[in-house]
């Protein structure tokens, strides 16, 4: 099952929890991998990110990324939560959760989803400084390289 949620509201611990039966003892799933990304201060010069998106387009894009992961690895569930709007330093921007039978599959699928979110999902981020001025964030080469490794190798 794939779940995608994009919100201006902070993630609460109960608003996006893995509630499906895949984590019950008889499901066969032995792994749950969760990645959470937060706003960094960048040496104190960033106080927030302002994140923009195209609502329906963004959800479809993230669902397509998650579907690619389910075709590539035998995962049971993928959840993606992503904030938009004003997100302060230390606040959660993104949460990706993956369940699978084995840990390597869950780790790889989670990394794949995160790498593709960084390079393919239609989000635009602006770093806001203490004076309230903003600078658009450009994609980093390291993010491009991380995503490229998945197209170069089909290892599971």
N, C-alpha and C. Protein backbone atom coordinates (compact mmCIF):
# COMPACT_ATOMS: atom_id res chain seq x y z
N UNK A 1 0.84 -1.18 0.00
CA UNK A 1 0.00 0.00 0.00
C UNK A 1 0.89 1.25 0.00
N UNK A 2 0.50 2.22 -0.77
CA UNK A 2 1.24 3.48 -0.85
C UNK A 2 0.36 4.58 -0.25
N UNK A 3 0.95 5.37 0.65
CA UNK A 3 0.25 6.51 1.24
C UNK A 3 1.13 7.74 1.05
N UNK A 4 0.52 8.82 0.56
CA UNK A 4 1.23 10.08 0.38
C UNK A 4 0.42 11.17 1.05
N UNK A 5 1.10 12.00 1.83
CA UNK A 5 0.45 13.13 2.47
C UNK A 5 1.36 14.35 2.36
N UNK A 6 0.81 15.43 1.84
CA UNK A 6 1.52 16.70 1.77
C UNK A 6 0.71 17.68 2.59
N UNK A 7 1.40 18.40 3.47
CA UNK A 7 0.66 19.24 4.42
C UNK A 7 1.46 20.47 4.82
N UNK A 8 0.73 21.54 5.10
CA UNK A 8 1.35 22.71 5.72
C UNK A 8 1.47 22.53 7.23
N UNK A 9 0.75 21.58 7.76
CA UNK A 9 0.75 21.33 9.20
C UNK A 9 1.88 20.37 9.56
N UNK A 10 2.49 20.55 10.73
CA UNK A 10 3.53 19.61 11.17
C UNK A 10 2.98 18.20 11.31
N UNK A 11 3.86 17.25 11.13
CA UNK A 11 3.50 15.85 11.31
C UNK A 11 3.32 15.58 12.78
N UNK A 12 2.18 14.99 13.13
CA UNK A 12 2.02 14.53 14.50
C UNK A 12 2.36 13.04 14.51
N UNK A 13 2.75 12.55 15.64
CA UNK A 13 3.16 11.15 15.72
C UNK A 13 2.03 10.20 15.37
N UNK A 14 0.80 10.63 15.46
CA UNK A 14 -0.32 9.74 15.15
C UNK A 14 -0.96 10.02 13.81
N UNK A 15 -0.65 11.15 13.16
CA UNK A 15 -1.35 11.48 11.93
C UNK A 15 -0.92 10.63 10.75
N UNK A 16 0.26 10.07 10.78
CA UNK A 16 0.72 9.22 9.68
C UNK A 16 1.47 8.05 10.29
N UNK A 17 0.73 7.13 10.83
CA UNK A 17 1.37 5.99 11.47
C UNK A 17 1.10 4.74 10.65
N UNK A 18 2.00 3.79 10.74
CA UNK A 18 1.81 2.54 10.02
C UNK A 18 0.80 1.70 10.79
N UNK A 19 -0.41 1.63 10.26
CA UNK A 19 -1.49 0.93 10.96
C UNK A 19 -1.92 -0.33 10.24
N UNK A 20 -1.39 -0.59 9.05
CA UNK A 20 -1.80 -1.75 8.29
C UNK A 20 -1.28 -3.03 8.94
N UNK A 21 -1.86 -4.15 8.59
CA UNK A 21 -1.51 -5.41 9.24
C UNK A 21 -0.12 -5.93 8.89
N UNK A 22 0.62 -5.26 8.02
CA UNK A 22 1.93 -5.77 7.61
C UNK A 22 2.92 -5.86 8.76
N UNK A 23 2.71 -5.14 9.83
CA UNK A 23 3.63 -5.19 10.95
C UNK A 23 3.18 -6.17 12.04
N UNK A 24 2.06 -6.84 11.83
CA UNK A 24 1.63 -7.84 12.79
C UNK A 24 2.52 -9.07 12.67
N UNK A 25 2.57 -9.86 13.72
CA UNK A 25 3.52 -10.98 13.78
C UNK A 25 3.32 -12.02 12.69
N UNK A 26 2.11 -12.17 12.15
CA UNK A 26 1.89 -13.19 11.13
C UNK A 26 2.01 -12.65 9.71
N UNK A 27 2.41 -11.41 9.53
CA UNK A 27 2.45 -10.81 8.19
C UNK A 27 3.66 -11.23 7.38
N UNK A 28 4.75 -11.61 8.03
CA UNK A 28 5.97 -11.93 7.31
C UNK A 28 6.91 -10.75 7.18
N UNK A 29 6.46 -9.55 7.49
CA UNK A 29 7.34 -8.39 7.44
C UNK A 29 8.18 -8.33 8.70
N UNK A 30 9.48 -8.26 8.49
CA UNK A 30 10.38 -8.16 9.63
C UNK A 30 11.10 -6.84 9.70
N UNK A 31 10.81 -5.93 8.73
CA UNK A 31 11.57 -4.68 8.69
C UNK A 31 10.65 -3.48 8.51
N UNK A 32 10.95 -2.46 9.26
CA UNK A 32 10.34 -1.14 9.11
C UNK A 32 11.49 -0.15 9.12
N UNK A 33 11.68 0.58 8.01
CA UNK A 33 12.72 1.59 7.93
C UNK A 33 12.04 2.94 7.79
N UNK A 34 12.46 3.89 8.62
CA UNK A 34 11.90 5.23 8.59
C UNK A 34 13.05 6.23 8.44
N UNK A 35 12.91 7.12 7.47
CA UNK A 35 13.84 8.23 7.34
C UNK A 35 13.06 9.50 7.61
N UNK A 36 13.62 10.37 8.45
CA UNK A 36 13.04 11.68 8.69
C UNK A 36 14.08 12.75 8.40
N UNK A 37 13.69 13.73 7.60
CA UNK A 37 14.57 14.84 7.28
C UNK A 37 14.04 16.12 7.91
N UNK A 38 14.94 16.90 8.48
CA UNK A 38 14.58 18.14 9.18
C UNK A 38 15.33 19.32 8.57
N UNK A 39 14.82 20.52 8.81
CA UNK A 39 15.47 21.74 8.34
C UNK A 39 16.74 21.96 9.14
N UNK A 40 17.86 22.13 8.42
CA UNK A 40 19.14 22.43 9.05
C UNK A 40 19.33 23.94 9.10
N UNK A 41 20.14 24.38 10.04
CA UNK A 41 20.37 25.81 10.20
C UNK A 41 21.42 26.35 9.25
N UNK A 42 22.26 25.50 8.64
CA UNK A 42 23.32 25.95 7.73
C UNK A 42 24.18 27.03 8.40
N UNK A 43 24.83 26.64 9.48
CA UNK A 43 25.72 27.54 10.23
C UNK A 43 25.01 28.78 10.78
N UNK A 44 23.76 28.63 11.13
CA UNK A 44 23.02 29.72 11.75
C UNK A 44 22.44 30.74 10.80
N UNK A 45 22.69 30.61 9.51
CA UNK A 45 22.18 31.63 8.59
C UNK A 45 20.77 31.33 8.09
N UNK A 46 20.29 30.11 8.22
CA UNK A 46 18.94 29.76 7.77
C UNK A 46 18.04 29.62 9.00
N UNK A 47 16.88 30.29 8.97
CA UNK A 47 15.92 30.16 10.07
C UNK A 47 14.71 29.33 9.66
N UNK A 48 14.51 29.16 8.35
CA UNK A 48 13.37 28.38 7.87
C UNK A 48 13.55 28.08 6.39
N UNK A 49 12.74 27.15 5.93
CA UNK A 49 12.57 26.92 4.49
C UNK A 49 11.14 27.28 4.15
N UNK A 50 10.96 27.86 2.99
CA UNK A 50 9.64 28.05 2.44
C UNK A 50 9.53 27.11 1.25
N UNK A 51 8.61 26.15 1.33
CA UNK A 51 8.51 25.09 0.32
C UNK A 51 7.21 25.26 -0.46
N UNK A 52 7.34 25.32 -1.78
CA UNK A 52 6.20 25.45 -2.67
C UNK A 52 6.04 24.17 -3.49
N UNK A 53 4.82 23.95 -4.00
CA UNK A 53 4.55 22.78 -4.84
C UNK A 53 3.28 23.02 -5.65
N UNK A 54 3.02 22.13 -6.62
CA UNK A 54 1.75 22.10 -7.34
C UNK A 54 0.97 20.93 -6.75
N UNK A 55 -0.11 21.21 -6.01
CA UNK A 55 -0.76 20.17 -5.22
C UNK A 55 -1.03 18.82 -5.90
N UNK A 56 -1.89 18.72 -6.86
CA UNK A 56 -2.22 17.40 -7.42
C UNK A 56 -1.03 16.79 -8.15
N UNK A 57 -0.27 17.62 -8.83
CA UNK A 57 0.90 17.13 -9.57
C UNK A 57 1.94 16.53 -8.63
N UNK A 58 2.16 17.16 -7.50
CA UNK A 58 3.16 16.68 -6.56
C UNK A 58 2.78 15.32 -5.99
N UNK A 59 1.53 15.16 -5.57
CA UNK A 59 1.09 13.87 -5.04
C UNK A 59 1.26 12.76 -6.07
N UNK A 60 0.84 13.03 -7.31
CA UNK A 60 0.99 12.01 -8.37
C UNK A 60 2.45 11.67 -8.62
N UNK A 61 3.31 12.66 -8.58
CA UNK A 61 4.74 12.43 -8.78
C UNK A 61 5.31 11.54 -7.67
N UNK A 62 4.95 11.81 -6.44
CA UNK A 62 5.44 11.01 -5.33
C UNK A 62 4.88 9.59 -5.38
N UNK A 63 3.60 9.47 -5.73
CA UNK A 63 3.02 8.13 -5.88
C UNK A 63 3.76 7.34 -6.96
N UNK A 64 4.12 7.99 -8.06
CA UNK A 64 4.85 7.32 -9.14
C UNK A 64 6.23 6.86 -8.66
N UNK A 65 6.89 7.68 -7.86
CA UNK A 65 8.18 7.29 -7.29
C UNK A 65 8.02 6.06 -6.40
N UNK A 66 7.01 6.08 -5.54
CA UNK A 66 6.77 4.95 -4.65
C UNK A 66 6.40 3.69 -5.45
N UNK A 67 5.62 3.86 -6.52
CA UNK A 67 5.27 2.71 -7.37
C UNK A 67 6.51 2.13 -8.03
N UNK A 68 7.45 2.98 -8.45
CA UNK A 68 8.71 2.47 -9.00
C UNK A 68 9.43 1.59 -7.97
N UNK A 69 9.43 2.05 -6.72
CA UNK A 69 10.08 1.27 -5.66
C UNK A 69 9.40 -0.07 -5.46
N UNK A 70 8.06 -0.11 -5.52
CA UNK A 70 7.36 -1.39 -5.32
C UNK A 70 7.59 -2.35 -6.48
N UNK A 71 7.86 -1.82 -7.68
CA UNK A 71 8.19 -2.70 -8.81
C UNK A 71 9.62 -3.22 -8.70
N UNK A 72 10.47 -2.47 -8.07
CA UNK A 72 11.89 -2.81 -7.97
C UNK A 72 12.19 -3.75 -6.79
N UNK A 73 11.50 -3.55 -5.67
CA UNK A 73 11.71 -4.34 -4.45
C UNK A 73 10.39 -4.89 -3.95
N UNK A 74 10.44 -6.04 -3.30
CA UNK A 74 9.21 -6.63 -2.73
C UNK A 74 8.86 -5.99 -1.38
N UNK A 75 8.43 -4.74 -1.43
CA UNK A 75 8.03 -4.04 -0.21
C UNK A 75 6.53 -4.20 0.00
N UNK A 76 6.12 -4.07 1.23
CA UNK A 76 4.70 -4.19 1.55
C UNK A 76 4.02 -2.83 1.55
N UNK A 77 4.64 -1.86 2.21
CA UNK A 77 4.04 -0.53 2.34
C UNK A 77 5.08 0.56 2.19
N UNK A 78 4.65 1.68 1.62
CA UNK A 78 5.48 2.88 1.56
C UNK A 78 4.60 4.06 1.94
N UNK A 79 5.10 4.85 2.88
CA UNK A 79 4.42 6.09 3.26
C UNK A 79 5.37 7.25 3.05
N UNK A 80 4.84 8.33 2.51
CA UNK A 80 5.63 9.54 2.34
C UNK A 80 4.82 10.71 2.90
N UNK A 81 5.42 11.44 3.81
CA UNK A 81 4.85 12.67 4.34
C UNK A 81 5.82 13.79 3.97
N UNK A 82 5.31 14.88 3.41
CA UNK A 82 6.17 16.01 3.06
C UNK A 82 5.47 17.30 3.44
N UNK A 83 6.22 18.18 4.10
CA UNK A 83 5.71 19.49 4.47
C UNK A 83 5.84 20.45 3.29
N UNK A 84 4.97 21.44 3.27
CA UNK A 84 5.06 22.59 2.38
C UNK A 84 4.78 23.83 3.21
N UNK A 85 5.04 24.98 2.62
CA UNK A 85 4.84 26.23 3.35
C UNK A 85 6.09 26.58 4.15
N UNK A 86 5.89 27.25 5.26
CA UNK A 86 6.97 27.73 6.13
C UNK A 86 7.35 26.61 7.09
N UNK A 87 8.60 26.16 7.05
CA UNK A 87 9.08 25.08 7.92
C UNK A 87 10.33 25.58 8.64
N UNK A 88 10.26 25.70 9.95
CA UNK A 88 11.35 26.26 10.73
C UNK A 88 12.50 25.29 10.97
N UNK A 89 13.63 25.83 11.37
CA UNK A 89 14.81 25.01 11.69
C UNK A 89 14.43 23.97 12.73
N UNK A 90 14.87 22.75 12.49
CA UNK A 90 14.60 21.64 13.40
C UNK A 90 13.28 20.93 13.14
N UNK A 91 12.40 21.54 12.35
CA UNK A 91 11.11 20.91 12.06
C UNK A 91 11.26 19.86 10.97
N UNK A 92 10.38 18.88 11.03
CA UNK A 92 10.35 17.79 10.06
C UNK A 92 9.88 18.30 8.70
N UNK A 93 10.67 17.99 7.66
CA UNK A 93 10.27 18.31 6.28
C UNK A 93 9.66 17.08 5.63
N UNK A 94 10.32 15.94 5.79
CA UNK A 94 9.92 14.73 5.08
C UNK A 94 10.07 13.52 5.98
N UNK A 95 9.15 12.57 5.79
CA UNK A 95 9.22 11.28 6.47
C UNK A 95 8.87 10.22 5.45
N UNK A 96 9.77 9.25 5.27
CA UNK A 96 9.53 8.12 4.38
C UNK A 96 9.61 6.87 5.24
N UNK A 97 8.57 6.04 5.16
CA UNK A 97 8.54 4.79 5.92
C UNK A 97 8.28 3.64 4.94
N UNK A 98 9.04 2.56 5.09
CA UNK A 98 8.92 1.40 4.21
C UNK A 98 8.89 0.14 5.05
N UNK A 99 7.95 -0.76 4.76
CA UNK A 99 7.94 -2.07 5.39
C UNK A 99 8.23 -3.14 4.34
N UNK A 100 8.94 -4.17 4.77
CA UNK A 100 9.28 -5.28 3.88
C UNK A 100 9.61 -6.50 4.73
N UNK A 101 9.76 -7.62 4.07
CA UNK A 101 10.11 -8.84 4.78
C UNK A 101 11.50 -8.76 5.39
N UNK A 102 12.44 -8.17 4.64
CA UNK A 102 13.83 -8.12 5.09
C UNK A 102 14.36 -6.69 5.13
N UNK A 103 15.34 -6.46 5.99
CA UNK A 103 15.86 -5.11 6.21
C UNK A 103 16.54 -4.51 4.99
N UNK A 104 17.33 -5.27 4.25
CA UNK A 104 18.05 -4.71 3.10
C UNK A 104 17.07 -4.15 2.08
N UNK A 105 15.99 -4.88 1.81
CA UNK A 105 14.97 -4.41 0.88
C UNK A 105 14.36 -3.11 1.38
N UNK A 106 14.02 -3.06 2.67
CA UNK A 106 13.40 -1.86 3.23
C UNK A 106 14.36 -0.67 3.20
N UNK A 107 15.64 -0.91 3.56
CA UNK A 107 16.63 0.18 3.51
C UNK A 107 16.81 0.70 2.08
N UNK A 108 16.98 -0.22 1.12
CA UNK A 108 17.21 0.20 -0.26
C UNK A 108 16.00 0.94 -0.83
N UNK A 109 14.81 0.42 -0.59
CA UNK A 109 13.60 1.07 -1.11
C UNK A 109 13.42 2.45 -0.48
N UNK A 110 13.70 2.59 0.79
CA UNK A 110 13.58 3.88 1.46
C UNK A 110 14.59 4.88 0.88
N UNK A 111 15.83 4.43 0.69
CA UNK A 111 16.86 5.31 0.11
C UNK A 111 16.48 5.72 -1.31
N UNK A 112 15.97 4.78 -2.10
CA UNK A 112 15.53 5.06 -3.46
C UNK A 112 14.45 6.14 -3.47
N UNK A 113 13.42 5.95 -2.64
CA UNK A 113 12.33 6.93 -2.59
C UNK A 113 12.87 8.30 -2.20
N UNK A 114 13.72 8.35 -1.19
CA UNK A 114 14.26 9.63 -0.74
C UNK A 114 15.12 10.28 -1.82
N UNK A 115 15.99 9.50 -2.48
CA UNK A 115 16.84 10.04 -3.54
C UNK A 115 16.00 10.60 -4.69
N UNK A 116 14.94 9.92 -5.05
CA UNK A 116 14.10 10.39 -6.13
C UNK A 116 13.21 11.56 -5.71
N UNK A 117 12.80 11.60 -4.44
CA UNK A 117 12.08 12.78 -3.94
C UNK A 117 12.93 14.04 -4.10
N UNK A 118 14.21 13.91 -3.76
CA UNK A 118 15.11 15.06 -3.83
C UNK A 118 15.33 15.56 -5.26
N UNK A 119 15.19 14.68 -6.25
CA UNK A 119 15.53 15.06 -7.62
C UNK A 119 14.34 15.12 -8.57
N UNK A 120 13.24 14.44 -8.27
CA UNK A 120 12.14 14.37 -9.23
C UNK A 120 10.82 14.95 -8.75
N UNK A 121 10.59 15.03 -7.46
CA UNK A 121 9.32 15.56 -6.98
C UNK A 121 9.29 17.07 -7.17
N UNK A 122 8.17 17.59 -7.64
CA UNK A 122 8.09 19.03 -7.92
C UNK A 122 7.87 19.89 -6.67
N UNK A 123 8.97 20.10 -5.95
CA UNK A 123 9.00 21.01 -4.80
C UNK A 123 10.03 22.09 -5.11
N UNK A 124 9.76 23.30 -4.63
CA UNK A 124 10.71 24.40 -4.76
C UNK A 124 10.95 24.94 -3.36
N UNK A 125 12.22 25.03 -2.99
CA UNK A 125 12.59 25.42 -1.62
C UNK A 125 13.36 26.73 -1.63
N UNK A 126 13.00 27.58 -0.70
CA UNK A 126 13.68 28.85 -0.52
C UNK A 126 14.20 28.89 0.91
N UNK A 127 15.51 29.13 1.07
CA UNK A 127 16.10 29.30 2.40
C UNK A 127 15.82 30.72 2.87
N UNK A 128 15.29 30.84 4.08
CA UNK A 128 14.96 32.14 4.66
C UNK A 128 15.97 32.45 5.75
N UNK A 129 16.56 33.66 5.70
CA UNK A 129 17.53 34.05 6.73
C UNK A 129 16.83 34.88 7.82
N UNK A 130 17.59 35.28 8.83
CA UNK A 130 17.02 36.01 9.97
C UNK A 130 16.41 37.35 9.57
N UNK A 131 16.87 37.94 8.49
CA UNK A 131 16.31 39.21 8.01
C UNK A 131 15.03 38.99 7.19
N UNK A 132 14.64 37.73 7.00
CA UNK A 132 13.45 37.43 6.23
C UNK A 132 13.68 37.35 4.74
N UNK A 133 14.93 37.44 4.32
CA UNK A 133 15.26 37.36 2.91
C UNK A 133 15.37 35.90 2.49
N UNK A 134 15.00 35.62 1.25
CA UNK A 134 15.02 34.25 0.78
C UNK A 134 15.90 34.05 -0.44
N UNK A 135 16.48 32.85 -0.51
CA UNK A 135 17.29 32.44 -1.66
C UNK A 135 16.80 31.06 -2.08
N UNK A 136 16.47 30.93 -3.37
CA UNK A 136 16.02 29.63 -3.88
C UNK A 136 17.14 28.61 -3.79
N UNK A 137 16.79 27.40 -3.40
CA UNK A 137 17.76 26.31 -3.26
C UNK A 137 17.85 25.58 -4.59
N UNK A 138 19.07 25.43 -5.08
CA UNK A 138 19.29 24.67 -6.31
C UNK A 138 19.63 23.23 -5.96
N UNK A 139 19.28 22.32 -6.88
CA UNK A 139 19.59 20.91 -6.66
C UNK A 139 21.10 20.72 -6.59
N UNK A 140 21.53 19.91 -5.64
CA UNK A 140 22.96 19.64 -5.45
C UNK A 140 23.39 18.48 -6.34
N UNK A 141 24.64 18.53 -6.77
CA UNK A 141 25.19 17.44 -7.57
C UNK A 141 25.17 16.13 -6.81
N UNK A 142 25.38 16.19 -5.50
CA UNK A 142 25.35 14.96 -4.69
C UNK A 142 23.98 14.31 -4.73
N UNK A 143 22.90 15.10 -4.81
CA UNK A 143 21.56 14.54 -4.93
C UNK A 143 21.36 13.90 -6.29
N UNK A 144 21.87 14.57 -7.34
CA UNK A 144 21.78 13.98 -8.69
C UNK A 144 22.55 12.65 -8.75
N UNK A 145 23.73 12.63 -8.15
CA UNK A 145 24.55 11.42 -8.15
C UNK A 145 23.87 10.29 -7.38
N UNK A 146 23.24 10.62 -6.26
CA UNK A 146 22.56 9.60 -5.46
C UNK A 146 21.41 8.97 -6.25
N UNK A 147 20.64 9.78 -6.95
CA UNK A 147 19.55 9.24 -7.76
C UNK A 147 20.07 8.46 -8.97
N UNK A 148 21.16 8.93 -9.55
CA UNK A 148 21.72 8.27 -10.73
C UNK A 148 22.18 6.86 -10.43
N UNK A 149 22.62 6.62 -9.21
CA UNK A 149 23.12 5.26 -8.90
C UNK A 149 22.03 4.20 -9.05
N UNK A 150 20.76 4.60 -8.88
CA UNK A 150 19.67 3.63 -9.00
C UNK A 150 19.40 3.27 -10.45
N UNK A 151 19.69 4.17 -11.38
CA UNK A 151 19.49 3.84 -12.79
C UNK A 151 20.67 3.04 -13.34
N UNK A 152 21.84 3.12 -12.66
CA UNK A 152 23.02 2.40 -13.10
C UNK A 152 23.04 0.96 -12.60
N UNK A 153 22.30 0.70 -11.53
CA UNK A 153 22.35 -0.63 -10.92
C UNK A 153 20.96 -1.09 -10.54
N UNK A 154 20.67 -2.33 -10.77
CA UNK A 154 19.38 -2.90 -10.39
C UNK A 154 19.55 -3.87 -9.23
N UNK A 155 20.63 -3.70 -8.45
CA UNK A 155 20.89 -4.60 -7.32
C UNK A 155 19.80 -4.46 -6.27
N UNK A 156 19.45 -5.59 -5.66
CA UNK A 156 18.46 -5.58 -4.58
C UNK A 156 19.03 -6.10 -3.32
